[in-house]
PDB file of all heavy atoms in Angstrom:
ATOM      1  N   ASN A   1       0.831  -1.204   0.000  1.00  0.00           N
ATOM      2  CA  ASN A   1       0.000   0.000   0.000  1.00  0.00           C
ATOM      3  C   ASN A   1       0.862   1.250   0.000  1.00  0.00           C
ATOM      4  O   ASN A   1       0.537   2.237  -0.667  1.00  0.00           O
ATOM      5  CB  ASN A   1      -0.945   0.014   1.203  1.00  0.00           C
ATOM      6  CG  ASN A   1      -2.026  -1.034   1.080  1.00  0.00           C
ATOM      7  OD1 ASN A   1      -2.297  -1.542  -0.005  1.00  0.00           O
ATOM      8  ND2 ASN A   1      -2.633  -1.377   2.192  1.00  0.00           N
ATOM      9  N   LEU A   2       1.959   1.231   0.748  1.00  0.00           N
ATOM     10  CA  LEU A   2       2.879   2.364   0.768  1.00  0.00           C
ATOM     11  C   LEU A   2       3.448   2.593  -0.631  1.00  0.00           C
ATOM     12  O   LEU A   2       3.524   3.736  -1.104  1.00  0.00           O
ATOM     13  CB  LEU A   2       4.007   2.127   1.771  1.00  0.00           C
ATOM     14  CG  LEU A   2       5.069   3.218   1.861  1.00  0.00           C
ATOM     15  CD1 LEU A   2       4.455   4.541   2.297  1.00  0.00           C
ATOM     16  CD2 LEU A   2       6.165   2.790   2.823  1.00  0.00           C
ATOM     17  N   ALA A   3       3.816   1.523  -1.308  1.00  0.00           N
ATOM     18  CA  ALA A   3       4.361   1.632  -2.667  1.00  0.00           C
ATOM     19  C   ALA A   3       3.317   2.218  -3.615  1.00  0.00           C
ATOM     20  O   ALA A   3       3.640   3.055  -4.469  1.00  0.00           O
ATOM     21  CB  ALA A   3       4.836   0.263  -3.163  1.00  0.00           C
ATOM     22  N   ARG A   4       2.053   1.816  -3.475  1.00  0.00           N
ATOM     23  CA  ARG A   4       0.986   2.346  -4.334  1.00  0.00           C
ATOM     24  C   ARG A   4       0.771   3.841  -4.092  1.00  0.00           C
ATOM     25  O   ARG A   4       0.597   4.610  -5.026  1.00  0.00           O
ATOM     26  CB  ARG A   4      -0.316   1.587  -4.107  1.00  0.00           C
ATOM     27  CG  ARG A   4      -0.403   0.289  -4.894  1.00  0.00           C
ATOM     28  CD  ARG A   4      -1.824  -0.241  -4.867  1.00  0.00           C
ATOM     29  NE  ARG A   4      -2.149  -0.840  -3.590  1.00  0.00           N
ATOM     30  CZ  ARG A   4      -2.103  -2.135  -3.327  1.00  0.00           C
ATOM     31  NH1 ARG A   4      -1.749  -2.979  -4.265  1.00  0.00           N
ATOM     32  NH2 ARG A   4      -2.421  -2.600  -2.142  1.00  0.00           N
ATOM     33  N   VAL A   5       0.793   4.251  -2.821  1.00  0.00           N
ATOM     34  CA  VAL A   5       0.628   5.670  -2.504  1.00  0.00           C
ATOM     35  C   VAL A   5       1.798   6.469  -3.078  1.00  0.00           C
ATOM     36  O   VAL A   5       1.610   7.543  -3.658  1.00  0.00           O
ATOM     37  CB  VAL A   5       0.497   5.889  -0.973  1.00  0.00           C
ATOM     38  CG1 VAL A   5       0.596   7.357  -0.615  1.00  0.00           C
ATOM     39  CG2 VAL A   5      -0.814   5.307  -0.474  1.00  0.00           C
ATOM     40  N   PHE A   6       3.004   5.952  -2.931  1.00  0.00           N
ATOM     41  CA  PHE A   6       4.181   6.632  -3.474  1.00  0.00           C
ATOM     42  C   PHE A   6       4.058   6.774  -4.992  1.00  0.00           C
ATOM     43  O   PHE A   6       4.342   7.831  -5.550  1.00  0.00           O
ATOM     44  CB  PHE A   6       5.454   5.868  -3.104  1.00  0.00           C
ATOM     45  CG  PHE A   6       6.695   6.499  -3.672  1.00  0.00           C
ATOM     46  CD1 PHE A   6       7.215   7.653  -3.114  1.00  0.00           C
ATOM     47  CD2 PHE A   6       7.342   5.935  -4.755  1.00  0.00           C
ATOM     48  CE1 PHE A   6       8.360   8.254  -3.636  1.00  0.00           C
ATOM     49  CE2 PHE A   6       8.486   6.520  -5.281  1.00  0.00           C
ATOM     50  CZ  PHE A   6       8.993   7.680  -4.717  1.00  0.00           C
ATOM     51  N   GLU A   7       3.597   5.720  -5.647  1.00  0.00           N
ATOM     52  CA  GLU A   7       3.415   5.751  -7.099  1.00  0.00           C
ATOM     53  C   GLU A   7       2.403   6.827  -7.485  1.00  0.00           C
ATOM     54  O   GLU A   7       2.620   7.592  -8.427  1.00  0.00           O
ATOM     55  CB  GLU A   7       2.944   4.373  -7.572  1.00  0.00           C
ATOM     56  CG  GLU A   7       2.935   4.190  -9.069  1.00  0.00           C
ATOM     57  CD  GLU A   7       2.598   2.757  -9.439  1.00  0.00           C
ATOM     58  OE1 GLU A   7       3.209   1.829  -8.887  1.00  0.00           O
ATOM     59  OE2 GLU A   7       1.708   2.585 -10.294  1.00  0.00           O
ATOM     60  N   ARG A   8       1.327   6.910  -6.737  1.00  0.00           N
ATOM     61  CA  ARG A   8       0.292   7.920  -7.005  1.00  0.00           C
ATOM     62  C   ARG A   8       0.844   9.343  -6.810  1.00  0.00           C
ATOM     63  O   ARG A   8       0.565  10.243  -7.594  1.00  0.00           O
ATOM     64  CB  ARG A   8      -0.926   7.670  -6.109  1.00  0.00           C
ATOM     65  CG  ARG A   8      -2.137   8.472  -6.501  1.00  0.00           C
ATOM     66  CD  ARG A   8      -3.435   8.022  -5.827  1.00  0.00           C
ATOM     67  NE  ARG A   8      -3.312   7.815  -4.392  1.00  0.00           N
ATOM     68  CZ  ARG A   8      -3.478   6.637  -3.770  1.00  0.00           C
ATOM     69  NH1 ARG A   8      -3.783   5.560  -4.452  1.00  0.00           N
ATOM     70  NH2 ARG A   8      -3.364   6.548  -2.472  1.00  0.00           N
ATOM     71  N   ILE A   9       1.654   9.536  -5.779  1.00  0.00           N
ATOM     72  CA  ILE A   9       2.268  10.851  -5.532  1.00  0.00           C
ATOM     73  C   ILE A   9       3.156  11.233  -6.712  1.00  0.00           C
ATOM     74  O   ILE A   9       3.125  12.377  -7.179  1.00  0.00           O
ATOM     75  CB  ILE A   9       3.070  10.839  -4.211  1.00  0.00           C
ATOM     76  CG1 ILE A   9       2.119  10.768  -3.022  1.00  0.00           C
ATOM     77  CG2 ILE A   9       3.980  12.055  -4.112  1.00  0.00           C
ATOM     78  CD1 ILE A   9       2.810  10.481  -1.693  1.00  0.00           C
ATOM     79  N   CYS A  10       3.945  10.287  -7.214  1.00  0.00           N
ATOM     80  CA  CYS A  10       4.822  10.562  -8.354  1.00  0.00           C
ATOM     81  C   CYS A  10       4.010  10.944  -9.592  1.00  0.00           C
ATOM     82  O   CYS A  10       4.346  11.911 -10.287  1.00  0.00           O
ATOM     83  CB  CYS A  10       5.706   9.356  -8.659  1.00  0.00           C
ATOM     84  SG  CYS A  10       6.983   9.071  -7.423  1.00  0.00           S
ATOM     85  N   VAL A  11       2.943  10.202  -9.867  1.00  0.00           N
ATOM     86  CA  VAL A  11       2.096  10.497 -11.033  1.00  0.00           C
ATOM     87  C   VAL A  11       1.474  11.881 -10.888  1.00  0.00           C
ATOM     88  O   VAL A  11       1.519  12.698 -11.814  1.00  0.00           O
ATOM     89  CB  VAL A  11       0.999   9.413 -11.198  1.00  0.00           C
ATOM     90  CG1 VAL A  11      -0.061   9.850 -12.196  1.00  0.00           C
ATOM     91  CG2 VAL A  11       1.622   8.095 -11.627  1.00  0.00           C
ATOM     92  N   ASN A  12       0.916  12.169  -9.714  1.00  0.00           N
ATOM     93  CA  ASN A  12       0.270  13.469  -9.493  1.00  0.00           C
ATOM     94  C   ASN A  12       1.251  14.630  -9.596  1.00  0.00           C
ATOM     95  O   ASN A  12       0.873  15.745  -9.961  1.00  0.00           O
ATOM     96  CB  ASN A  12      -0.442  13.506  -8.144  1.00  0.00           C
ATOM     97  CG  ASN A  12      -1.648  12.592  -8.108  1.00  0.00           C
ATOM     98  OD1 ASN A  12      -2.170  12.176  -9.145  1.00  0.00           O
ATOM     99  ND2 ASN A  12      -2.099  12.249  -6.915  1.00  0.00           N
ATOM    100  N   ALA A  13       2.508  14.384  -9.271  1.00  0.00           N
ATOM    101  CA  ALA A  13       3.535  15.433  -9.339  1.00  0.00           C
ATOM    102  C   ALA A  13       4.173  15.509 -10.728  1.00  0.00           C
ATOM    103  O   ALA A  13       5.023  16.365 -10.964  1.00  0.00           O
ATOM    104  CB  ALA A  13       4.610  15.178  -8.280  1.00  0.00           C
ATOM    105  N   GLY A  14       3.779  14.602 -11.628  1.00  0.00           N
ATOM    106  CA  GLY A  14       4.328  14.609 -12.973  1.00  0.00           C
ATOM    107  C   GLY A  14       5.748  14.083 -13.051  1.00  0.00           C
ATOM    108  O   GLY A  14       6.497  14.422 -13.971  1.00  0.00           O
ATOM    109  N   LEU A  15       6.144  13.264 -12.093  1.00  0.00           N
ATOM    110  CA  LEU A  15       7.495  12.702 -12.073  1.00  0.00           C
ATOM    111  C   LEU A  15       7.536  11.397 -12.851  1.00  0.00           C
ATOM    112  O   LEU A  15       6.526  10.711 -12.982  1.00  0.00           O
ATOM    113  CB  LEU A  15       7.933  12.447 -10.631  1.00  0.00           C
ATOM    114  CG  LEU A  15       7.955  13.665  -9.710  1.00  0.00           C
ATOM    115  CD1 LEU A  15       8.235  13.242  -8.280  1.00  0.00           C
ATOM    116  CD2 LEU A  15       8.990  14.672 -10.188  1.00  0.00           C
ATOM    117  N   ARG A  16       8.733  11.057 -13.312  1.00  0.00           N
ATOM    118  CA  ARG A  16       8.873   9.777 -14.007  1.00  0.00           C
ATOM    119  C   ARG A  16       8.669   8.642 -13.000  1.00  0.00           C
ATOM    120  O   ARG A  16       8.851   8.822 -11.794  1.00  0.00           O
ATOM    121  CB  ARG A  16      10.221   9.669 -14.701  1.00  0.00           C
ATOM    122  CG  ARG A  16      11.396   9.562 -13.767  1.00  0.00           C
ATOM    123  CD  ARG A  16      12.706   9.462 -14.572  1.00  0.00           C
ATOM    124  NE  ARG A  16      13.844   9.444 -13.702  1.00  0.00           N
ATOM    125  CZ  ARG A  16      14.343   8.339 -13.127  1.00  0.00           C
ATOM    126  NH1 ARG A  16      13.792   7.170 -13.351  1.00  0.00           N
ATOM    127  NH2 ARG A  16      15.393   8.407 -12.343  1.00  0.00           N
ATOM    128  N   HIS A  17       8.327   7.472 -13.501  1.00  0.00           N
ATOM    129  CA  HIS A  17       8.067   6.324 -12.630  1.00  0.00           C
ATOM    130  C   HIS A  17       9.363   5.846 -11.986  1.00  0.00           C
ATOM    131  O   HIS A  17      10.349   5.572 -12.683  1.00  0.00           O
ATOM    132  CB  HIS A  17       7.438   5.180 -13.430  1.00  0.00           C
ATOM    133  CG  HIS A  17       7.303   3.924 -12.634  1.00  0.00           C
ATOM    134  ND1 HIS A  17       6.343   3.762 -11.673  1.00  0.00           N
ATOM    135  CD2 HIS A  17       8.042   2.790 -12.639  1.00  0.00           C
ATOM    136  CE1 HIS A  17       6.491   2.579 -11.116  1.00  0.00           C
ATOM    137  NE2 HIS A  17       7.507   1.959 -11.688  1.00  0.00           N
ATOM    138  N   ILE A  18       9.373   5.767 -10.670  1.00  0.00           N
ATOM    139  CA  ILE A  18      10.448   5.132  -9.924  1.00  0.00           C
ATOM    140  C   ILE A  18       9.814   4.318  -8.811  1.00  0.00           C
ATOM    141  O   ILE A  18       8.699   4.598  -8.381  1.00  0.00           O
ATOM    142  CB  ILE A  18      11.467   6.136  -9.320  1.00  0.00           C
ATOM    143  CG1 ILE A  18      10.793   7.068  -8.311  1.00  0.00           C
ATOM    144  CG2 ILE A  18      12.180   6.907 -10.396  1.00  0.00           C
ATOM    145  CD1 ILE A  18      11.777   7.893  -7.505  1.00  0.00           C
ATOM    146  N   ARG A  19      10.528   3.321  -8.367  1.00  0.00           N
ATOM    147  CA  ARG A  19      10.054   2.524  -7.242  1.00  0.00           C
ATOM    148  C   ARG A  19      10.431   3.237  -5.948  1.00  0.00           C
ATOM    149  O   ARG A  19      11.419   3.967  -5.894  1.00  0.00           O
ATOM    150  CB  ARG A  19      10.699   1.138  -7.244  1.00  0.00           C
ATOM    151  CG  ARG A  19      10.410   0.308  -8.460  1.00  0.00           C
ATOM    152  CD  ARG A  19      11.299  -0.922  -8.494  1.00  0.00           C
ATOM    153  NE  ARG A  19      12.703  -0.506  -8.432  1.00  0.00           N
ATOM    154  CZ  ARG A  19      13.669  -1.208  -7.844  1.00  0.00           C
ATOM    155  NH1 ARG A  19      13.414  -2.359  -7.286  1.00  0.00           N
ATOM    156  NH2 ARG A  19      14.910  -0.765  -7.825  1.00  0.00           N
ATOM    157  N   LEU A  20       9.664   3.007  -4.916  1.00  0.00           N
ATOM    158  CA  LEU A  20       9.966   3.587  -3.610  1.00  0.00           C
ATOM    159  C   LEU A  20      11.382   3.195  -3.180  1.00  0.00           C
ATOM    160  O   LEU A  20      12.137   4.013  -2.660  1.00  0.00           O
ATOM    161  CB  LEU A  20       8.934   3.107  -2.581  1.00  0.00           C
ATOM    162  CG  LEU A  20       9.069   3.624  -1.166  1.00  0.00           C
ATOM    163  CD1 LEU A  20       8.979   5.141  -1.122  1.00  0.00           C
ATOM    164  CD2 LEU A  20       7.993   3.019  -0.278  1.00  0.00           C
ATOM    165  N   HIS A  21      11.765   1.960  -3.427  1.00  0.00           N
ATOM    166  CA  HIS A  21      13.087   1.471  -3.044  1.00  0.00           C
ATOM    167  C   HIS A  21      14.209   2.239  -3.750  1.00  0.00           C
ATOM    168  O   HIS A  21      15.321   2.332  -3.239  1.00  0.00           O
ATOM    169  CB  HIS A  21      13.202  -0.026  -3.324  1.00  0.00           C
ATOM    170  CG  HIS A  21      14.484  -0.611  -2.833  1.00  0.00           C
ATOM    171  ND1 HIS A  21      14.712  -0.895  -1.508  1.00  0.00           N
ATOM    172  CD2 HIS A  21      15.621  -0.935  -3.499  1.00  0.00           C
ATOM    173  CE1 HIS A  21      15.936  -1.378  -1.372  1.00  0.00           C
ATOM    174  NE2 HIS A  21      16.506  -1.416  -2.558  1.00  0.00           N
ATOM    175  N   ASP A  22      13.915   2.810  -4.930  1.00  0.00           N
ATOM    176  CA  ASP A  22      14.929   3.565  -5.659  1.00  0.00           C
ATOM    177  C   ASP A  22      15.408   4.778  -4.868  1.00  0.00           C
ATOM    178  O   ASP A  22      16.512   5.282  -5.110  1.00  0.00           O
ATOM    179  CB  ASP A  22      14.395   4.018  -7.017  1.00  0.00           C
ATOM    180  CG  ASP A  22      14.150   2.852  -7.960  1.00  0.00           C
ATOM    181  OD1 ASP A  22      14.804   1.792  -7.787  1.00  0.00           O
ATOM    182  OD2 ASP A  22      13.304   2.988  -8.863  1.00  0.00           O
ATOM    183  N   LEU A  23      14.617   5.245  -3.912  1.00  0.00           N
ATOM    184  CA  LEU A  23      15.039   6.369  -3.078  1.00  0.00           C
ATOM    185  C   LEU A  23      16.272   6.012  -2.256  1.00  0.00           C
ATOM    186  O   LEU A  23      17.106   6.872  -1.973  1.00  0.00           O
ATOM    187  CB  LEU A  23      13.904   6.827  -2.167  1.00  0.00           C
ATOM    188  CG  LEU A  23      12.675   7.395  -2.874  1.00  0.00           C
ATOM    189  CD1 LEU A  23      11.601   7.767  -1.858  1.00  0.00           C
ATOM    190  CD2 LEU A  23      13.033   8.573  -3.760  1.00  0.00           C
ATOM    191  N   ARG A  24      16.407   4.747  -1.880  1.00  0.00           N
ATOM    192  CA  ARG A  24      17.616   4.323  -1.147  1.00  0.00           C
ATOM    193  C   ARG A  24      18.847   4.439  -2.046  1.00  0.00           C
ATOM    194  O   ARG A  24      19.900   4.883  -1.618  1.00  0.00           O
ATOM    195  CB  ARG A  24      17.474   2.888  -0.632  1.00  0.00           C
ATOM    196  CG  ARG A  24      16.554   2.767   0.551  1.00  0.00           C
ATOM    197  CD  ARG A  24      16.463   1.339   1.064  1.00  0.00           C
ATOM    198  NE  ARG A  24      17.725   0.752   1.457  1.00  0.00           N
ATOM    199  CZ  ARG A  24      18.352   0.977   2.614  1.00  0.00           C
ATOM    200  NH1 ARG A  24      17.830   1.804   3.481  1.00  0.00           N
ATOM    201  NH2 ARG A  24      19.489   0.378   2.892  1.00  0.00           N
ATOM    202  N   HIS A  25      18.707   4.013  -3.304  1.00  0.00           N
ATOM    203  CA  HIS A  25      19.822   4.118  -4.244  1.00  0.00           C
ATOM    204  C   HIS A  25      20.181   5.588  -4.463  1.00  0.00           C
ATOM    205  O   HIS A  25      21.357   5.944  -4.507  1.00  0.00           O
ATOM    206  CB  HIS A  25      19.458   3.471  -5.578  1.00  0.00           C
ATOM    207  CG  HIS A  25      19.309   1.991  -5.502  1.00  0.00           C
ATOM    208  ND1 HIS A  25      20.344   1.127  -5.742  1.00  0.00           N
ATOM    209  CD2 HIS A  25      18.235   1.220  -5.202  1.00  0.00           C
ATOM    210  CE1 HIS A  25      19.922  -0.117  -5.592  1.00  0.00           C
ATOM    211  NE2 HIS A  25      18.651  -0.086  -5.266  1.00  0.00           N
ATOM    212  N   THR A  26      19.167   6.428  -4.606  1.00  0.00           N
ATOM    213  CA  THR A  26      19.405   7.855  -4.799  1.00  0.00           C
ATOM    214  C   THR A  26      20.120   8.446  -3.591  1.00  0.00           C
ATOM    215  O   THR A  26      21.082   9.209  -3.737  1.00  0.00           O
ATOM    216  CB  THR A  26      18.073   8.590  -5.043  1.00  0.00           C
ATOM    217  OG1 THR A  26      17.456   8.043  -6.212  1.00  0.00           O
ATOM    218  CG2 THR A  26      18.283  10.079  -5.225  1.00  0.00           C
ATOM    219  N   THR A  27      19.670   8.086  -2.401  1.00  0.00           N
ATOM    220  CA  THR A  27      20.311   8.584  -1.184  1.00  0.00           C
ATOM    221  C   THR A  27      21.771   8.159  -1.141  1.00  0.00           C
ATOM    222  O   THR A  27      22.657   8.970  -0.854  1.00  0.00           O
ATOM    223  CB  THR A  27      19.573   8.081   0.067  1.00  0.00           C
ATOM    224  OG1 THR A  27      18.222   8.550   0.018  1.00  0.00           O
ATOM    225  CG2 THR A  27      20.241   8.546   1.342  1.00  0.00           C
ATOM    226  N   ALA A  28      22.037   6.899  -1.443  1.00  0.00           N
ATOM    227  CA  ALA A  28      23.417   6.400  -1.430  1.00  0.00           C
ATOM    228  C   ALA A  28      24.271   7.153  -2.438  1.00  0.00           C
ATOM    229  O   ALA A  28      25.406   7.548  -2.142  1.00  0.00           O
ATOM    230  CB  ALA A  28      23.440   4.901  -1.725  1.00  0.00           C
ATOM    231  N   SER A  29      23.743   7.376  -3.618  1.00  0.00           N
ATOM    232  CA  SER A  29      24.502   8.080  -4.649  1.00  0.00           C
ATOM    233  C   SER A  29      24.735   9.538  -4.262  1.00  0.00           C
ATOM    234  O   SER A  29      25.816  10.085  -4.506  1.00  0.00           O
ATOM    235  CB  SER A  29      23.773   7.994  -5.995  1.00  0.00           C
ATOM    236  OG  SER A  29      23.743   6.646  -6.425  1.00  0.00           O
ATOM    237  N   LEU A  30      23.740  10.182  -3.654  1.00  0.00           N
ATOM    238  CA  LEU A  30      23.918  11.562  -3.195  1.00  0.00           C
ATOM    239  C   LEU A  30      24.962  11.644  -2.090  1.00  0.00           C
ATOM    240  O   LEU A  30      25.794  12.560  -2.072  1.00  0.00           O
ATOM    241  CB  LEU A  30      22.589  12.148  -2.715  1.00  0.00           C
ATOM    242  CG  LEU A  30      21.590  12.517  -3.812  1.00  0.00           C
ATOM    243  CD1 LEU A  30      20.243  12.873  -3.193  1.00  0.00           C
ATOM    244  CD2 LEU A  30      22.122  13.649  -4.672  1.00  0.00           C
ATOM    245  N   LEU A  31      24.929  10.696  -1.169  1.00  0.00           N
ATOM    246  CA  LEU A  31      25.934  10.680  -0.104  1.00  0.00           C
ATOM    247  C   LEU A  31      27.331  10.556  -0.705  1.00  0.00           C
ATOM    248  O   LEU A  31      28.269  11.234  -0.288  1.00  0.00           O
ATOM    249  CB  LEU A  31      25.661   9.537   0.878  1.00  0.00           C
ATOM    250  CG  LEU A  31      24.419   9.686   1.752  1.00  0.00           C
ATOM    251  CD1 LEU A  31      24.106   8.375   2.473  1.00  0.00           C
ATOM    252  CD2 LEU A  31      24.580  10.822   2.752  1.00  0.00           C
ATOM    253  N   LYS A  32      27.462   9.702  -1.713  1.00  0.00           N
ATOM    254  CA  LYS A  32      28.757   9.532  -2.388  1.00  0.00           C
ATOM    255  C   LYS A  32      29.180  10.831  -3.055  1.00  0.00           C
ATOM    256  O   LYS A  32      30.304  11.298  -2.883  1.00  0.00           O
ATOM    257  CB  LYS A  32      28.650   8.418  -3.429  1.00  0.00           C
ATOM    258  CG  LYS A  32      29.918   8.240  -4.243  1.00  0.00           C
ATOM    259  CD  LYS A  32      29.705   7.226  -5.344  1.00  0.00           C
ATOM    260  CE  LYS A  32      30.895   7.224  -6.275  1.00  0.00           C
ATOM    261  NZ  LYS A  32      30.553   6.709  -7.585  1.00  0.00           N
ATOM    262  N   ARG A  33      28.264  11.440  -3.810  1.00  0.00           N
ATOM    263  CA  ARG A  33      28.582  12.672  -4.535  1.00  0.00           C
ATOM    264  C   ARG A  33      28.966  13.806  -3.578  1.00  0.00           C
ATOM    265  O   ARG A  33      29.811  14.642  -3.891  1.00  0.00           O
ATOM    266  CB  ARG A  33      27.409  13.111  -5.388  1.00  0.00           C
ATOM    267  CG  ARG A  33      27.694  14.433  -6.129  1.00  0.00           C
ATOM    268  CD  ARG A  33      26.570  14.867  -6.976  1.00  0.00           C
ATOM    269  NE  ARG A  33      26.633  14.103  -8.224  1.00  0.00           N
ATOM    270  CZ  ARG A  33      25.720  14.170  -9.156  1.00  0.00           C
ATOM    271  NH1 ARG A  33      24.675  14.935  -9.013  1.00  0.00           N
ATOM    272  NH2 ARG A  33      25.842  13.472 -10.261  1.00  0.00           N
ATOM    273  N   LEU A  34      28.352  13.830  -2.404  1.00  0.00           N
ATOM    274  CA  LEU A  34      28.635  14.877  -1.425  1.00  0.00           C
ATOM    275  C   LEU A  34      29.906  14.602  -0.619  1.00  0.00           C
ATOM    276  O   LEU A  34      30.259  15.382   0.266  1.00  0.00           O
ATOM    277  CB  LEU A  34      27.439  15.054  -0.488  1.00  0.00           C
ATOM    278  CG  LEU A  34      26.178  15.606  -1.171  1.00  0.00           C
ATOM    279  CD1 LEU A  34      24.985  15.514  -0.245  1.00  0.00           C
ATOM    280  CD2 LEU A  34      26.407  17.033  -1.639  1.00  0.00           C
TER     281      LEU A  34
END
């Protein structure tokens, strides 16, 4: 259900489709870049 809500938020915001879990990868990559 959390994943479905996240998907709906992305669609409503006009964002490209990503999985909720992809936020962990993004966080890791941002930490590396910083």
